[in-house]
Structures are given as C-alpha cells and as structure tokens.
C-alpha atoms as a PDB file:
ATOM      1  CA  MET A   1     209.981 124.931  84.711  1.00  0.00           C
ATOM      2  CA  ASP A   2     208.633 122.422  82.181  1.00  0.00           C
ATOM      3  CA  THR A   3     205.557 121.004  83.863  1.00  0.00           C
ATOM      4  CA  LYS A   4     204.318 119.313  80.685  1.00  0.00           C
ATOM      5  CA  THR A   5     207.521 117.301  80.292  1.00  0.00           C
ATOM      6  CA  ALA A   6     207.322 116.132  83.908  1.00  0.00           C
ATOM      7  CA  THR A   7     203.640 115.208  83.736  1.00  0.00           C
ATOM      8  CA  ASP A   8     204.035 113.533  80.338  1.00  0.00           C
ATOM      9  CA  LEU A   9     206.910 111.441  81.686  1.00  0.00           C
ATOM     10  CA  ILE A  10     204.788 110.377  84.650  1.00  0.00           C
ATOM     11  CA  ALA A  11     201.849 109.451  82.397  1.00  0.00           C
ATOM     12  CA  GLU A  12     204.031 107.489  79.966  1.00  0.00           C
ATOM     13  CA  THR A  13     205.742 105.632  82.787  1.00  0.00           C
ATOM     14  CA  LEU A  14     202.534 104.772  84.607  1.00  0.00           C
ATOM     15  CA  ALA A  15     201.003 103.475  81.369  1.00  0.00           C
ATOM     16  CA  ASP A  16     203.186 100.371  81.440  1.00  0.00           C
ATOM     17  CA  ALA A  17     204.123 100.185  85.128  1.00  0.00           C
ATOM     18  CA  LYS A  18     202.748  97.094  86.854  1.00  0.00           C
ATOM     19  CA  ALA A  19     203.626  98.069  90.417  1.00  0.00           C
ATOM     20  CA  PRO A  20     204.638 101.735  90.809  1.00  0.00           C
ATOM     21  CA  CYS A  21     205.409 103.567  94.033  1.00  0.00           C
ATOM     22  CA  MET A  22     206.675 106.942  95.182  1.00  0.00           C
ATOM     23  CA  THR A  23     209.128 107.602  98.003  1.00  0.00           C
ATOM     24  CA  SER A  24     208.474 110.809  99.904  1.00  0.00           C
ATOM     25  CA  SER A  25     210.168 112.538 102.803  1.00  0.00           C
ATOM     26  CA  PHE A  26     207.466 115.212 102.432  1.00  0.00           C
ATOM     27  CA  GLN A  27     209.956 117.814 101.314  1.00  0.00           C
ATOM     28  CA  ALA A  28     208.759 120.253  98.653  1.00  0.00           C
ATOM     29  CA  GLU A  29     209.913 118.376  95.536  1.00  0.00           C
ATOM     30  CA  ASP A  30     208.520 115.075  96.799  1.00  0.00           C
ATOM     31  CA  VAL A  31     205.147 116.657  97.460  1.00  0.00           C
ATOM     32  CA  VAL A  32     205.111 118.189  93.971  1.00  0.00           C
ATOM     33  CA  VAL A  33     205.712 114.792  92.350  1.00  0.00           C
ATOM     34  CA  VAL A  34     203.043 113.201  94.556  1.00  0.00           C
ATOM     35  CA  HIS A  35     200.640 115.929  93.428  1.00  0.00           C
ATOM     36  CA  MET A  36     201.384 115.100  89.775  1.00  0.00           C
ATOM     37  CA  LEU A  37     201.085 111.356  90.330  1.00  0.00           C
ATOM     38  CA  ARG A  38     197.738 111.683  92.090  1.00  0.00           C
ATOM     39  CA  GLU A  39     196.253 113.329  89.020  1.00  0.00           C
ATOM     40  CA  ILE A  40     196.695 110.019  87.180  1.00  0.00           C
ATOM     41  CA  MET A  41     196.844 107.405  89.941  1.00  0.00           C
ATOM     42  CA  PRO A  42     195.212 108.681  93.147  1.00  0.00           C
ATOM     43  CA  ASP A  43     196.035 105.524  95.088  1.00  0.00           C
ATOM     44  CA  VAL A  44     199.722 105.270  94.154  1.00  0.00           C
ATOM     45  CA  PRO A  45     201.608 103.934  97.209  1.00  0.00           C
ATOM     46  CA  VAL A  46     203.581 106.718  98.902  1.00  0.00           C
ATOM     47  CA  LEU A  47     206.433 105.224 100.913  1.00  0.00           C
ATOM     48  CA  PHE A  48     207.610 107.180 103.946  1.00  0.00           C
ATOM     49  CA  LEU A  49     210.596 106.161 106.036  1.00  0.00           C
ATOM     50  CA  ASP A  50     209.711 106.567 109.690  1.00  0.00           C
ATOM     51  CA  THR A  51     213.236 106.684 111.088  1.00  0.00           C
ATOM     52  CA  PHE A  52     212.219 107.400 114.719  1.00  0.00           C
ATOM     53  CA  HIS A  53     214.282 110.593 114.428  1.00  0.00           C
ATOM     54  CA  HIS A  54     212.055 112.957 112.418  1.00  0.00           C
ATOM     55  CA  PHE A  55     211.120 116.496 113.392  1.00  0.00           C
ATOM     56  CA  ALA A  56     207.701 116.601 115.043  1.00  0.00           C
ATOM     57  CA  GLN A  57     206.712 119.124 112.367  1.00  0.00           C
ATOM     58  CA  THR A  58     207.500 116.612 109.613  1.00  0.00           C
ATOM     59  CA  LEU A  59     205.253 113.955 111.123  1.00  0.00           C
ATOM     60  CA  THR A  60     202.419 116.407 111.688  1.00  0.00           C
ATOM     61  CA  TYR A  61     202.693 117.702 108.137  1.00  0.00           C
ATOM     62  CA  ARG A  62     202.785 114.133 106.781  1.00  0.00           C
ATOM     63  CA  ASP A  63     199.590 113.288 108.629  1.00  0.00           C
ATOM     64  CA  GLU A  64     197.814 116.489 107.608  1.00  0.00           C
ATOM     65  CA  LEU A  65     198.683 116.149 103.918  1.00  0.00           C
ATOM     66  CA  THR A  66     197.827 112.440 103.953  1.00  0.00           C
ATOM     67  CA  GLU A  67     194.369 113.293 105.250  1.00  0.00           C
ATOM     68  CA  ARG A  68     193.894 116.238 102.915  1.00  0.00           C
ATOM     69  CA  TRP A  69     194.890 114.298  99.807  1.00  0.00           C
ATOM     70  CA  LYS A  70     193.695 110.867 100.965  1.00  0.00           C
ATOM     71  CA  LEU A  71     197.119 109.409 100.265  1.00  0.00           C
ATOM     72  CA  ASN A  72     197.843 105.702 100.172  1.00  0.00           C
ATOM     73  CA  LEU A  73     200.618 106.189 102.719  1.00  0.00           C
ATOM     74  CA  VAL A  74     202.926 103.295 103.571  1.00  0.00           C
ATOM     75  CA  ASN A  75     205.037 103.939 106.675  1.00  0.00           C
ATOM     76  CA  LEU A  76     208.261 101.932 106.676  1.00  0.00           C
ATOM     77  CA  ARG A  77     210.233 101.243 109.859  1.00  0.00           C
ATOM     78  CA  ALA A  78     213.329  99.291 110.791  1.00  0.00           C
ATOM     79  CA  ALA A  79     212.545  95.861 112.227  1.00  0.00           C
ATOM     80  CA  GLU A  80     215.045  96.523 115.000  1.00  0.00           C
ATOM     81  CA  PRO A  81     215.357 100.287 115.456  1.00  0.00           C
ATOM     82  CA  SER A  82     218.200 101.797 117.413  1.00  0.00           C
ATOM     83  CA  VAL A  83     217.228 105.304 118.449  1.00  0.00           C
ATOM     84  CA  GLY A  84     220.333 107.438 118.861  1.00  0.00           C
ATOM     85  CA  LEU A  85     222.555 105.285 116.650  1.00  0.00           C
ATOM     86  CA  TRP A  86     223.488 108.446 114.747  1.00  0.00           C
ATOM     87  CA  LYS A  87     225.616 109.482 117.733  1.00  0.00           C
ATOM     88  CA  THR A  88     228.146 106.745 116.989  1.00  0.00           C
ATOM     89  CA  SER A  89     227.717 106.355 113.221  1.00  0.00           C
ATOM     90  CA  THR A  90     225.485 108.263 110.843  1.00  0.00           C
ATOM     91  CA  ASP A  91     226.220 105.648 108.168  1.00  0.00           C
ATOM     92  CA  ASP A  92     225.022 102.820 110.408  1.00  0.00           C
ATOM     93  CA  CYS A  93     221.968 104.822 111.447  1.00  0.00           C
ATOM     94  CA  CYS A  94     220.977 105.567 107.843  1.00  0.00           C
ATOM     95  CA  ALA A  95     221.600 101.955 106.837  1.00  0.00           C
ATOM     96  CA  ARG A  96     219.377 100.609 109.612  1.00  0.00           C
ATOM     97  CA  HIS A  97     216.550 103.132 109.580  1.00  0.00           C
ATOM     98  CA  LYS A  98     216.436 104.161 105.922  1.00  0.00           C
ATOM     99  CA  VAL A  99     218.299 101.957 103.457  1.00  0.00           C
ATOM    100  CA  GLY A 100     217.292  98.580 104.890  1.00  0.00           C
ATOM    101  CA  PRO A 101     213.550  99.212 105.292  1.00  0.00           C
ATOM    102  CA  LEU A 102     213.219 100.930 101.923  1.00  0.00           C
ATOM    103  CA  PHE A 103     215.109  98.374  99.864  1.00  0.00           C
ATOM    104  CA  SER A 104     213.134  95.590 101.488  1.00  0.00           C
ATOM    105  CA  ALA A 105     209.873  97.324 100.554  1.00  0.00           C
ATOM    106  CA  LEU A 106     211.001  98.115  96.997  1.00  0.00           C
ATOM    107  CA  GLU A 107     211.173  94.404  96.238  1.00  0.00           C
ATOM    108  CA  GLY A 108     207.397  94.602  95.801  1.00  0.00           C
ATOM    109  CA  TYR A 109     207.487  97.286  93.083  1.00  0.00           C
ATOM    110  CA  ASP A 110     208.797  97.649  89.550  1.00  0.00           C
ATOM    111  CA  THR A 111     208.767 101.441  89.164  1.00  0.00           C
ATOM    112  CA  TRP A 112     210.107 103.916  91.712  1.00  0.00           C
ATOM    113  CA  PHE A 113     209.252 107.617  91.465  1.00  0.00           C
ATOM    114  CA  THR A 114     211.410 110.141  93.332  1.00  0.00           C
ATOM    115  CA  GLY A 115     211.608 113.896  93.813  1.00  0.00           C
ATOM    116  CA  LEU A 116     215.354 114.004  93.165  1.00  0.00           C
ATOM    117  CA  ARG A 117     216.798 117.030  91.364  1.00  0.00           C
ATOM    118  CA  ARG A 118     220.250 117.691  89.916  1.00  0.00           C
ATOM    119  CA  GLN A 119     220.490 121.043  91.681  1.00  0.00           C
ATOM    120  CA  GLN A 120     220.195 119.461  95.126  1.00  0.00           C
ATOM    121  CA  SER A 121     223.775 118.246  95.354  1.00  0.00           C
ATOM    122  CA  ALA A 122     226.982 117.716  93.396  1.00  0.00           C
ATOM    123  CA  SER A 123     226.418 113.998  93.956  1.00  0.00           C
ATOM    124  CA  ARG A 124     223.201 114.260  91.907  1.00  0.00           C
ATOM    125  CA  ALA A 125     224.528 116.419  89.072  1.00  0.00           C
ATOM    126  CA  ASN A 126     224.287 113.629  86.493  1.00  0.00           C
ATOM    127  CA  LEU A 127     220.821 112.455  87.519  1.00  0.00           C
ATOM    128  CA  GLN A 128     218.703 111.186  84.610  1.00  0.00           C
ATOM    129  CA  HIS A 129     214.932 111.285  84.335  1.00  0.00           C
ATOM    130  CA  VAL A 130     214.748 107.502  84.037  1.00  0.00           C
ATOM    131  CA  GLU A 131     217.486 105.159  85.232  1.00  0.00           C
ATOM    132  CA  PRO A 132     217.743 101.428  85.898  1.00  0.00           C
ATOM    133  CA  PHE A 133     218.200 100.630  89.576  1.00  0.00           C
ATOM    134  CA  ALA A 134     219.667  97.288  90.629  1.00  0.00           C
ATOM    135  CA  MET A 135     218.585  95.834  93.943  1.00  0.00           C
ATOM    136  CA  LYS A 136     221.040  93.675  95.882  1.00  0.00           C
ATOM    137  CA  SER A 137     218.727  90.749  95.193  1.00  0.00           C
ATOM    138  CA  GLY A 138     219.336  91.219  91.474  1.00  0.00           C
ATOM    139  CA  LYS A 139     215.901  92.671  90.791  1.00  0.00           C
ATOM    140  CA  MET A 140     215.848  95.684  88.475  1.00  0.00           C
ATOM    141  CA  LEU A 141     213.580  98.695  88.933  1.00  0.00           C
ATOM    142  CA  ARG A 142     212.903 101.766  86.856  1.00  0.00           C
ATOM    143  CA  LYS A 143     213.835 104.788  88.916  1.00  0.00           C
ATOM    144  CA  VAL A 144     212.018 107.880  87.686  1.00  0.00           C
ATOM    145  CA  SER A 145     212.856 111.469  88.660  1.00  0.00           C
ATOM    146  CA  PRO A 146     210.408 113.742  86.792  1.00  0.00           C
ATOM    147  CA  LEU A 147     211.894 116.932  88.276  1.00  0.00           C
ATOM    148  CA  ALA A 148     215.533 116.108  87.518  1.00  0.00           C
ATOM    149  CA  GLU A 149     216.273 119.430  85.805  1.00  0.00           C
ATOM    150  CA  TRP A 150     213.985 121.623  87.948  1.00  0.00           C
ATOM    151  CA  THR A 151     215.364 124.379  90.148  1.00  0.00           C
ATOM    152  CA  THR A 152     214.229 125.124  93.683  1.00  0.00           C
ATOM    153  CA  LYS A 153     212.406 128.155  92.277  1.00  0.00           C
ATOM    154  CA  ASP A 154     210.539 125.893  89.849  1.00  0.00           C
ATOM    155  CA  VAL A 155     209.394 123.659  92.701  1.00  0.00           C
ATOM    156  CA  TRP A 156     208.127 126.545  94.799  1.00  0.00           C
ATOM    157  CA  GLN A 157     206.380 128.157  91.829  1.00  0.00           C
ATOM    158  CA  TYR A 158     204.529 124.922  91.112  1.00  0.00           C
ATOM    159  CA  ALA A 159     203.516 124.567  94.737  1.00  0.00           C
ATOM    160  CA  LYS A 160     202.215 128.129  94.822  1.00  0.00           C
ATOM    161  CA  ALA A 161     200.346 127.744  91.524  1.00  0.00           C
ATOM    162  CA  HIS A 162     198.583 124.603  92.794  1.00  0.00           C
ATOM    163  CA  ASP A 163     197.930 125.828  96.324  1.00  0.00           C
ATOM    164  CA  ILE A 164     200.139 123.145  97.870  1.00  0.00           C
ATOM    165  CA  PRO A 165     201.055 123.798 101.516  1.00  0.00           C
ATOM    166  CA  LEU A 166     204.697 123.085 102.272  1.00  0.00           C
ATOM    167  CA  LEU A 167     206.511 121.793 105.336  1.00  0.00           C
ATOM    168  CA  PRO A 168     206.603 124.648 107.892  1.00  0.00           C
ATOM    169  CA  LEU A 169     210.288 124.029 108.631  1.00  0.00           C
ATOM    170  CA  TYR A 170     211.155 125.889 105.417  1.00  0.00           C
ATOM    171  CA  GLU A 171     209.891 129.055 107.069  1.00  0.00           C
ATOM    172  CA  LEU A 172     212.582 128.622 109.737  1.00  0.00           C
ATOM    173  CA  GLY A 173     215.367 128.606 107.135  1.00  0.00           C
ATOM    174  CA  TYR A 174     215.845 124.885 106.534  1.00  0.00           C
ATOM    175  CA  VAL A 175     216.364 123.965 102.882  1.00  0.00           C
ATOM    176  CA  SER A 176     217.055 120.209 102.978  1.00  0.00           C
ATOM    177  CA  ILE A 177     215.166 118.419 105.718  1.00  0.00           C
ATOM    178  CA  GLY A 178     215.819 114.923 107.020  1.00  0.00           C
ATOM    179  CA  CYS A 179     216.071 113.517 110.521  1.00  0.00           C
ATOM    180  CA  GLU A 180     216.147 116.141 113.278  1.00  0.00           C
ATOM    181  CA  PRO A 181     219.523 115.207 114.879  1.00  0.00           C
ATOM    182  CA  CYS A 182     221.303 115.342 111.531  1.00  0.00           C
ATOM    183  CA  THR A 183     219.602 118.392 110.016  1.00  0.00           C
ATOM    184  CA  SER A 184     220.662 121.975 110.658  1.00  0.00           C
ATOM    185  CA  LEU A 185     220.394 125.297 108.895  1.00  0.00           C
ATOM    186  CA  PRO A 186     222.663 125.320 105.804  1.00  0.00           C
ATOM    187  CA  ASP A 187     226.282 126.277 106.384  1.00  0.00           C
ATOM    188  CA  ASP A 188     226.678 127.244 102.719  1.00  0.00           C
ATOM    189  CA  PRO A 189     223.735 129.094 101.141  1.00  0.00           C
ATOM    190  CA  THR A 190     224.801 127.802  97.710  1.00  0.00           C
ATOM    191  CA  ASN A 191     224.739 124.174  98.861  1.00  0.00           C
ATOM    192  CA  PRO A 192     221.231 123.052  99.907  1.00  0.00           C
ATOM    193  CA  ARG A 193     222.566 119.906 101.587  1.00  0.00           C
ATOM    194  CA  SER A 194     225.267 121.626 103.631  1.00  0.00           C
ATOM    195  CA  GLY A 195     222.963 121.406 106.627  1.00  0.00           C
ATOM    196  CA  ARG A 196     222.795 117.613 106.559  1.00  0.00           C
ATOM    197  CA  TRP A 197     224.873 115.251 108.728  1.00  0.00           C
ATOM    198  CA  GLN A 198     227.023 118.073 110.114  1.00  0.00           C
ATOM    199  CA  GLY A 199     228.897 118.105 106.804  1.00  0.00           C
ATOM    200  CA  GLN A 200     230.081 114.506 107.249  1.00  0.00           C
ATOM    201  CA  LYS A 201     228.509 113.310 103.970  1.00  0.00           C
ATOM    202  CA  LEU A 202     226.085 114.240 101.180  1.00  0.00           C
ATOM    203  CA  GLU A 203     223.999 111.070 100.859  1.00  0.00           C
ATOM    204  CA  CYS A 204     222.393 108.533 103.159  1.00  0.00           C
ATOM    205  CA  GLY A 205     222.863 105.575 100.818  1.00  0.00           C
ATOM    206  CA  ILE A 206     219.331 105.261  99.432  1.00  0.00           C
ATOM    207  CA  HIS A 207     219.879 106.969  96.112  1.00  0.00           C
ATOM    208  CA  ILE A 208     223.681 107.062  95.958  1.00  0.00           C
ATOM    209  CA  GLU A 209     226.312 105.531  98.189  1.00  0.00           C
ATOM    210  CA  PRO A 210     227.278 107.999 100.957  1.00  0.00           C
ATOM    211  CA  VAL A 211     229.547 110.676  99.486  1.00  0.00           C
ATOM    212  CA  LYS A 212     231.814 112.414 102.002  1.00  0.00           C
END
C-alpha cells in the first residue's frame, strides 16, 4: 500500500482542477478515496447514483457517513426511472439508472475521481492512475483512480488505520456491492465481481462498456 503516492496524486490533480468531483457507491475503496480527498477539499462533490434498487443498508450507511463527514453529497436519479427494469434487461436498467444520470451530471465537471482498482476485475486490469475520458458530447475529462494498484487488503488496512467504518454488508460476505437485485455473494472467491449481475456481465457501462 503506497498511501503517499495516492495522496500526492490527489493533491497534484486538485491543484489545477477547476471542477473536480468524486463518484461513490460507498463501497470500501470509494470511501477511502473520499477520505483522502476530504483532507484537501472538504466540500468536494460526492456523486451517488440512487438507482431505486439499492440495499437498504447501503442507503443507511450513505446517510450516516454523509452526516459524520459532512459530505457534499449529490444524489443522482434517472429522470424517468423504471423500477424492476433489470428483470428484462440488466443493460437497459444500468443505462437508465446509472449511465444516463451520471454522464449528464459529469458535463459540469472537468476532473473525475474514482475508487477503481485493477484487482477488482479482469476488465480493469489495465487501469491507469490518470486517463482521458471522452463524453458523448465531445467533452474531455480527467479520470483519476488513485488506488489503481491497491489490493483489497490495502484498502481494508487503510480503513482500519483511519478508523473508517465500512458498509455492513461486507460482514455478510459480499465483496462487490451494487444494486440489491443484481448483487449476490461471490460465486468465485478469486473473482470479486462474480456476485454481480448473476454472472451475465462484469461492467455496468459507466467505466467500461459492459463486458460479458
């Protein structure tokens, strides 16, 4: 775990960022990056996708941590939600409740911090710390993943060292936590995302096009 490299990258990026933001699903790595960001920019916008399908525990934890840390939380929702759309198409559900609302909101920012890590999935194996991200509108963002090379152990060690409470669902055996209907305990202990979307795909389309 190289905390200095991660925090230095955040500081250097924020130094010339005009409109930074952080996306957070309130999973462990996201919360760690938010913790680091707050040390430099306490009011950094934290974007949360309220998909209408989250675990109740996720929403409670979001609210508790927001209050505890006084986060500048921005809840994003689909303009026309369709609860239960996942039953007919997980791709359509993710596109409506996650991809659309987030990409619309990102038009207002120039720097996007994430908690992505290479170890999370084969689809993220080549993740870089800083990458250009092209919006469909043509706008370019800097996408920054300070924990790109961190392991799950690194994340948990940082959380423990800084007294950061984590989402209680981890205690039940979940390792990658998204919407409740499409999240289960991992089928493959070596693949953290094997409990997502019943194995139909690896990505929702926000960071990488859905990989099946």
